[in-house]
């Protein structure tokens, strides 16, 4: 039987992303849950494991509701202190806070500046020829939205994978990302699989198949624009030839407003 959340007073959201796991999140969660169980507080509270909360540098992290309190660098003893303070005193433990809604800024000594993409450069490429080129983000948080956008809004864009023939996005019936690290391009009679998320580095086949480098290019002579995917070894996995509208989306969203410097043109 599920928990009656209408009867709960506090929700504790434990980050269970990779960085938090490595920092000992599971030990903190088990300690806190044992305390709640042994002190008759299980039914009046709700503990939830979440995926990454986006604050890996402050791992392990929690979010406590109500009032949106974020906690950082947790240990079992800190976790118990926080749980007791919220439940018994209805107060946060400020010395462990990362952020709360009353603050204008977060409290972290480990803040990592946002990664800035490098500008387009003119290169002579063995495959693409003379072109403007830059690297984009290769995370699945970018590649899945990219493929979904092209499928939904740019049917004239085309993809070439390995030695296969050029395939228009209009021929794709569905774009799925329901498997652990595989993006599926569903065609009428087959499904193309692309590895886009972190995988076991000991699995050589997966490492070679995974998209680890994403390059955006604009060919100078032909004026064609596109994306090239490579694995971590620099081997080409595929190309996408973009429509003008798709290129505009890529520069605005995927490249976060980055454009070709007018001085290069």
Protein backbone atom coordinates (compact mmCIF):
# COMPACT_ATOMS: atom_id res chain seq x y z
CA UNK A 1 0.00 0.00 0.00
CA UNK A 2 1.31 3.43 -0.90
CA UNK A 3 1.90 6.17 1.62
CA UNK A 4 -0.97 8.56 2.31
CA UNK A 5 0.79 11.79 1.37
CA UNK A 6 -2.21 13.81 2.57
CA UNK A 7 -1.07 12.91 6.10
CA UNK A 8 2.58 13.92 5.70
CA UNK A 9 4.04 17.16 7.04
CA UNK A 10 7.53 17.11 5.48
CA UNK A 11 9.02 15.81 2.25
CA UNK A 12 12.74 15.01 2.06
CA UNK A 13 14.10 14.70 -1.47
CA UNK A 14 17.45 12.94 -1.51
CA UNK A 15 19.58 13.37 -4.60
CA UNK A 16 20.60 9.96 -5.91
CA UNK A 17 22.63 11.10 -8.90
CA UNK A 18 26.08 9.73 -9.66
CA UNK A 19 28.09 12.38 -7.80
CA UNK A 20 25.91 12.13 -4.70
CA UNK A 21 26.17 8.35 -4.73
CA UNK A 22 29.97 8.59 -4.87
CA UNK A 23 29.91 11.11 -1.99
CA UNK A 24 28.04 8.70 0.29
CA UNK A 25 24.40 9.67 -0.22
CA UNK A 26 23.07 6.14 0.33
CA UNK A 27 24.55 5.92 3.82
CA UNK A 28 22.92 9.24 4.74
CA UNK A 29 19.54 8.14 3.37
CA UNK A 30 19.60 4.80 5.21
CA UNK A 31 20.53 6.47 8.50
CA UNK A 32 17.73 9.01 8.24
CA UNK A 33 15.11 6.49 7.16
CA UNK A 34 16.04 4.23 10.07
CA UNK A 35 15.57 7.15 12.47
CA UNK A 36 12.15 7.96 11.02
CA UNK A 37 11.06 4.32 11.20
CA UNK A 38 12.26 3.79 14.77
CA UNK A 39 10.74 6.99 16.12
CA UNK A 40 7.21 6.68 14.78
CA UNK A 41 7.73 9.34 12.12
CA UNK A 42 7.51 7.19 9.02
CA UNK A 43 3.86 7.85 8.21
CA UNK A 44 4.02 11.61 8.83
CA UNK A 45 7.04 12.17 6.57
CA UNK A 46 7.90 11.22 3.02
CA UNK A 47 11.42 10.45 1.79
CA UNK A 48 12.08 10.39 -1.94
CA UNK A 49 15.18 9.54 -3.96
CA UNK A 50 15.52 11.76 -7.02
CA UNK A 51 17.76 11.83 -10.05
CA UNK A 52 20.48 14.48 -10.27
CA UNK A 53 19.50 17.80 -8.66
CA UNK A 54 22.15 19.71 -10.59
CA UNK A 55 24.46 20.59 -7.70
CA UNK A 56 27.10 17.88 -8.08
CA UNK A 57 29.85 20.04 -6.59
CA UNK A 58 27.94 20.17 -3.27
CA UNK A 59 27.22 16.43 -3.04
CA UNK A 60 25.43 14.85 -1.32
CA UNK A 61 22.47 17.25 -1.52
CA UNK A 62 18.88 17.26 -0.24
CA UNK A 63 15.79 19.36 -0.74
CA UNK A 64 13.35 19.72 2.14
CA UNK A 65 9.74 20.76 1.60
CA UNK A 66 7.81 22.79 2.53
CA UNK A 67 9.67 26.07 2.01
CA UNK A 68 12.28 24.76 -0.45
CA UNK A 69 15.37 24.31 1.71
CA UNK A 70 18.44 22.98 -0.11
CA UNK A 71 21.20 21.27 1.89
CA UNK A 72 24.78 20.46 0.92
CA UNK A 73 27.69 18.13 1.76
CA UNK A 74 25.58 15.86 3.92
CA UNK A 75 26.76 13.13 6.28
CA UNK A 76 24.68 10.78 8.45
CA UNK A 77 25.11 13.04 11.49
CA UNK A 78 24.19 16.17 9.52
CA UNK A 79 21.20 14.36 8.07
CA UNK A 80 19.87 13.45 11.50
CA UNK A 81 20.39 17.00 12.72
CA UNK A 82 18.42 18.38 9.76
CA UNK A 83 15.61 15.85 10.06
CA UNK A 84 15.14 16.49 13.77
CA UNK A 85 15.22 20.27 13.39
CA UNK A 86 12.58 20.32 10.64
CA UNK A 87 10.26 17.77 12.22
CA UNK A 88 10.50 18.75 15.88
CA UNK A 89 11.24 22.49 15.66
CA UNK A 90 10.01 23.33 12.16
CA UNK A 91 13.30 25.16 11.55
CA UNK A 92 16.11 24.72 9.02
CA UNK A 93 19.71 24.11 10.04
CA UNK A 94 21.21 27.20 8.48
CA UNK A 95 24.87 26.17 8.76
CA UNK A 96 24.24 23.28 6.36
CA UNK A 97 22.06 25.19 3.90
CA UNK A 98 22.99 25.58 0.27
CA UNK A 99 20.00 27.75 -0.57
CA UNK A 100 16.54 28.80 0.59
CA UNK A 101 13.89 30.99 -1.01
CA UNK A 102 14.72 33.99 1.19
CA UNK A 103 18.28 34.18 -0.16
CA UNK A 104 19.47 36.01 -3.26
CA UNK A 105 22.49 33.72 -3.74
CA UNK A 106 23.53 30.18 -2.95
CA UNK A 107 26.03 29.38 -0.19
CA UNK A 108 28.75 27.22 -1.70
CA UNK A 109 32.52 27.29 -1.57
CA UNK A 110 32.66 24.87 -4.50
CA UNK A 111 30.79 26.85 -7.11
CA UNK A 112 31.91 25.91 -10.63
CA UNK A 113 31.64 28.68 -13.25
CA UNK A 114 29.41 27.80 -16.21
CA UNK A 115 31.29 26.20 -19.08
CA UNK A 116 31.72 28.58 -21.99
CA UNK A 117 31.73 27.22 -25.50
CA UNK A 118 34.67 28.16 -27.68
CA UNK A 119 34.00 30.46 -30.65
CA UNK A 120 33.83 29.24 -34.23
CA UNK A 121 37.21 28.94 -35.94
CA UNK A 122 38.12 28.50 -39.58
CA UNK A 123 39.67 25.09 -40.18
CA UNK A 124 40.69 22.89 -43.10
CA UNK A 125 39.07 19.55 -42.40
CA UNK A 126 39.91 16.35 -44.28
CA UNK A 127 36.22 15.47 -44.59
CA UNK A 128 34.40 18.80 -44.51
CA UNK A 129 36.94 20.97 -46.29
CA UNK A 130 37.23 24.65 -45.38
CA UNK A 131 34.65 25.50 -42.74
CA UNK A 132 33.75 27.37 -39.60
CA UNK A 133 33.64 24.87 -36.74
CA UNK A 134 33.05 24.72 -33.00
CA UNK A 135 32.27 22.08 -30.42
CA UNK A 136 28.90 21.90 -28.69
CA UNK A 137 27.70 19.94 -25.69
CA UNK A 138 27.72 16.15 -25.99
CA UNK A 139 25.61 15.37 -22.92
CA UNK A 140 22.36 13.47 -23.46
CA UNK A 141 20.67 16.52 -21.93
CA UNK A 142 21.52 18.24 -25.21
CA UNK A 143 21.61 15.43 -27.77
CA UNK A 144 18.15 14.05 -27.00
CA UNK A 145 16.46 17.49 -27.25
CA UNK A 146 18.43 18.05 -30.47
CA UNK A 147 17.13 14.90 -32.16
CA UNK A 148 13.63 15.52 -30.84
CA UNK A 149 13.62 19.06 -32.25
CA UNK A 150 14.84 17.91 -35.67
CA UNK A 151 12.22 15.16 -35.74
CA UNK A 152 9.39 17.52 -34.78
CA UNK A 153 10.40 20.71 -36.60
CA UNK A 154 12.94 20.01 -39.33
CA UNK A 155 11.87 17.09 -41.55
CA UNK A 156 14.14 18.31 -44.35
CA UNK A 157 17.30 17.90 -42.24
CA UNK A 158 19.21 14.74 -43.12
CA UNK A 159 21.35 12.30 -41.15
CA UNK A 160 24.15 10.01 -42.36
CA UNK A 161 25.41 7.26 -40.05
CA UNK A 162 28.49 5.24 -40.94
CA UNK A 163 28.30 3.93 -44.50
CA UNK A 164 24.51 4.16 -44.61
CA UNK A 165 22.68 6.29 -47.12
CA UNK A 166 21.49 9.78 -46.29
CA UNK A 167 18.25 9.62 -44.30
CA UNK A 168 15.74 12.45 -44.08
CA UNK A 169 14.22 13.17 -40.68
CA UNK A 170 10.84 12.98 -42.39
CA UNK A 171 11.40 9.20 -42.67
CA UNK A 172 11.70 8.85 -38.90
CA UNK A 173 8.46 7.73 -37.24
CA UNK A 174 9.47 8.30 -33.64
CA UNK A 175 12.41 9.40 -31.48
CA UNK A 176 12.62 7.49 -28.20
CA UNK A 177 14.92 7.81 -25.21
CA UNK A 178 13.50 5.23 -22.83
CA UNK A 179 16.51 2.92 -22.58
CA UNK A 180 19.35 3.57 -20.15
CA UNK A 181 21.80 5.15 -22.58
CA UNK A 182 20.39 4.49 -26.06
CA UNK A 183 18.47 6.92 -28.27
CA UNK A 184 16.24 5.16 -30.79
CA UNK A 185 15.31 6.51 -34.22
CA UNK A 186 12.31 4.43 -35.22
CA UNK A 187 11.88 3.94 -38.97
CA UNK A 188 9.17 2.03 -40.80
CA UNK A 189 11.09 -1.26 -40.95
CA UNK A 190 14.00 -0.81 -38.56
CA UNK A 191 15.24 1.10 -35.53
CA UNK A 192 18.57 2.92 -35.41
CA UNK A 193 20.24 3.03 -32.00
CA UNK A 194 22.62 5.78 -30.89
CA UNK A 195 24.55 5.66 -27.62
CA UNK A 196 24.27 9.13 -26.08
CA UNK A 197 24.68 8.74 -22.29
CA UNK A 198 27.49 7.69 -19.92
CA UNK A 199 28.31 4.00 -20.19
CA UNK A 200 30.66 1.44 -18.68
CA UNK A 201 34.09 2.52 -19.89
CA UNK A 202 35.26 -1.10 -19.81
CA UNK A 203 32.80 -2.01 -22.57
CA UNK A 204 34.93 -1.23 -25.63
CA UNK A 205 32.08 -1.59 -28.11
CA UNK A 206 29.90 0.89 -26.24
CA UNK A 207 32.77 3.35 -25.82
CA UNK A 208 33.38 3.28 -29.58
CA UNK A 209 29.67 3.71 -30.30
CA UNK A 210 28.96 6.51 -27.84
CA UNK A 211 28.60 10.08 -29.10
CA UNK A 212 31.26 11.89 -27.07
CA UNK A 213 32.03 14.85 -29.36
CA UNK A 214 29.50 17.10 -31.12
CA UNK A 215 30.84 19.56 -33.70
CA UNK A 216 28.83 22.27 -35.45
CA UNK A 217 30.14 23.37 -38.83
CA UNK A 218 29.39 25.79 -41.66
CA UNK A 219 31.12 24.94 -44.92
CA UNK A 220 32.57 28.05 -46.52
CA UNK A 221 32.30 27.08 -50.20
CA UNK A 222 28.98 25.24 -50.25
CA UNK A 223 27.44 27.22 -47.37
CA UNK A 224 26.02 23.95 -46.04
CA UNK A 225 25.57 23.71 -42.29
CA UNK A 226 25.56 20.67 -40.10
CA UNK A 227 26.64 18.64 -37.10
CA UNK A 228 29.29 15.94 -36.86
CA UNK A 229 29.30 13.29 -34.14
CA UNK A 230 32.44 11.49 -32.99
CA UNK A 231 33.39 9.02 -30.31
CA UNK A 232 36.04 9.75 -27.67
CA UNK A 233 38.76 8.49 -30.02
CA UNK A 234 37.84 10.99 -32.73
CA UNK A 235 36.20 8.45 -35.04
CA UNK A 236 33.23 9.82 -36.94
CA UNK A 237 29.88 8.29 -35.97
CA UNK A 238 27.62 10.38 -38.17
CA UNK A 239 26.68 13.68 -39.78
CA UNK A 240 23.51 15.74 -39.81
CA UNK A 241 22.89 18.23 -42.61
CA UNK A 242 20.72 21.00 -41.23
CA UNK A 243 18.02 23.17 -42.73
CA UNK A 244 18.32 26.92 -42.14
CA UNK A 245 15.67 26.84 -39.42
CA UNK A 246 17.43 23.94 -37.70
CA UNK A 247 20.75 25.80 -37.82
CA UNK A 248 19.07 28.80 -36.21
CA UNK A 249 17.75 26.54 -33.43
CA UNK A 250 21.19 25.01 -32.92
CA UNK A 251 22.97 28.36 -32.57
CA UNK A 252 20.31 29.74 -30.23
CA UNK A 253 19.64 26.69 -28.05
CA UNK A 254 22.35 24.06 -28.45
CA UNK A 255 25.17 26.64 -28.70
CA UNK A 256 23.53 29.09 -26.29
CA UNK A 257 23.53 32.05 -28.67
CA UNK A 258 26.98 31.44 -30.14
CA UNK A 259 27.34 32.65 -33.72
CA UNK A 260 30.10 32.96 -36.27
CA UNK A 261 32.18 36.07 -35.62
CA UNK A 262 31.63 38.62 -38.40
CA UNK A 263 35.38 39.18 -38.55
CA UNK A 264 35.81 35.58 -39.72
CA UNK A 265 33.33 35.90 -42.57
